[in-house]
Amino acid sequence: MANKMKGYEYIAKTFKEYGVSHIFYIEAILRMAMREMEKTGIQCIMPHSENAAGYMADGYARATGKPGIAMCQSIGVGNMVGGIYDACLANTPLVTITGKKTPNYQYKNAYQETDHRLLYESITKFNAEITQADQIPYLLRQCFREATTGKPKPVHLDIINHIGRTMELAEVEEPQNAETAYTQIPAYRPAAQPEKIALAASALKEAKKPAIVAGRGAIVSAAAKEIYEFAIKHDIPIITTPDGKTLIDETDAIWAGCCGGYGMDCANRTTANSDLVIYIGTQASDQTTVEWTCPPPQTKVIQIDIDPVELGRCYPNTIGLHGDAKTVVAQLLEALPSAKRAEWRAEVAEYVKNTLAEYKVFQESAATPIRPERLCYELGKVLSDDAVVVSDTGYSAQWTITMLRMKASQKYFRAAGSLGWSFPASMGVKLGLPNNPVFCLIGDGGLYYHLGEMETMARYGIKTITIVNNNQILAQSSVDLKKVFEEDPERGRSHYTFMPTRFSEIAKSFGLNGIIVEKPEEIGAAIAMAMKAEKSTIIDVITDPDASVPGPLNKK
């Protein structure tokens, strides 16, 4: 048959046709296929753990909108689960491929073998196995289809033979047939039903104090222009979730802050006092709503989401608009004449003014050890218009969300929950956006997870700037642990403090640049030096271990 080819050729050509430019893997898996991929220009990146490979693929996918590819052999499947867990939480499209021993080895206590599909079932959207060659074409296509349609999520393929060799050497008779619709998110842009648009327009017309809350789904949909025009036309303040940060310039008069448990008082106060909240591309989770208090449960809601099962999940009084954020907001934009809400806008502006004034005291602090607020403030002053900030979870996320003002031309990504995610993820982001300056902001507690990836960074020449909030403490954990060990504080400190470490010196040992910063006035110069350097830089900023983040909702 003329179209017959080996499995390794078919897999490599399929990835190329789907626009894959990078593979993130840990030895040993699909070696022959990767040999063919590299012939086509696909770069195969091997870090030092399956966990890091998953995080790198996640960062790449968030930056590009294309599915990230993460692969490992049979024994690595457990570690890879941790590597794609954050992608599941963040709704990131990933295609994960793992090796699995052939059927004659199953259920016989085979070396290093478990039931992989059970491990992946709860964190993937599609979870299948390839046991014969004629499955390769349609299951590969299904992976890309599942990852990019509806709510994006990781998918998983378990491929026979612990390194996939059996299927690599098998013959595939089906001709190549990549479906280009599924190379990028969003794959489709459905519109909401007209009668639902009319219902939402009626609710908006009646509202005195509406607020928009836009999340990552709005950014994925590239809906910023439509949301801004809609907000201006109807005089509605725009709030973003942490993952919606950079949807709007954070100096714009219509911006009302980032909401949620990691967010700002002004934003949470606005949603708490709104009579209608319009959620666009966000799940309205406990984190976004301060455990469903901002807004309170009885508040009327309009929710726009690509996945219909999300509509009204968390707020029962919801008008659900199923569709793509950009498309549906454009529908709403035309549904009503313009409106003015000067009194409400003035109230919200006062919330913003008061919150930023409270922050300013710490942002301009000259104290040493350095306040993290000052660190974020100084970073914001030197970011270029095309800069990308990749933040870790915990206090790193809270500092950057609250203290770092960003523009709509910039990009912001943060860990959905996995400490240490941002360091490997920032490398994936840089590979996806090679022409953008990429900054990683991470605490020392997070960086300890993946110190070995400094070698990966040096080996592949991936240039990022990593700023370490080095306070020798798990700051977020310390708050409660100090209370728990109030009668024995010395013992308590052993649970959340670290020995002094100079990550800048570790960076130099890997052949990277390393800079130590101990005074706030040195921050800007250090970042400028790192931006001019030809290789990656670790900026070790010695910060105050007792600094605490601002509360998401001040008690007044």
Foldseek 3Di string as FASTA:
>chain_A
DVQKDFLLLQVLVQCVVLVAQEAEEAPDASPSNVVNNVVVRRYYFYFDALLLSLLLQQLLCLQFQFAGEYEYFLLRLLSVLNNFQLCLLVLGQYEYEYEAEAPVQPPVPHPSHDPSQVSCVVQFQEEEEDRAQQVVQVVVQVSLVQQQEFRHGYYYYYYYDRRNVVRRGHMYDDHHDHDNLSRGPNSDWDFFDPVLLLVVLVVLVPWLQEAEEEALLCVSLVQLVLVVLLCVQAVHAYEYALRCALSAFCVDLSHLWHAFFLIFQLQLVSQCPTQEYEYAADLPDCRRNVHCVSPHQQRAYEYEGCHVVSFCPRHVNYSYTHTRRNNHSNVNSPNDGGHDNPVNSVVSSVSRVVRVVVLVVLCPDFDPVHALLVLQNLVLVPADLAAEEEEEDDVRSSSNRRRHGHHSNYYYHYRSDDQLSRPSSQLSSCVSVVPHAYEYEHEPVRVVVRLSCLLSQVVVQRAYEYEYAYAQWPLRVLVVLCVVCVVPVVVSRVVTGHDDDQSQVSSVVSVAHEAEATTSVCSNVVVVVSVPDSGYYYYYRHHHSNDDGDGSHDDD
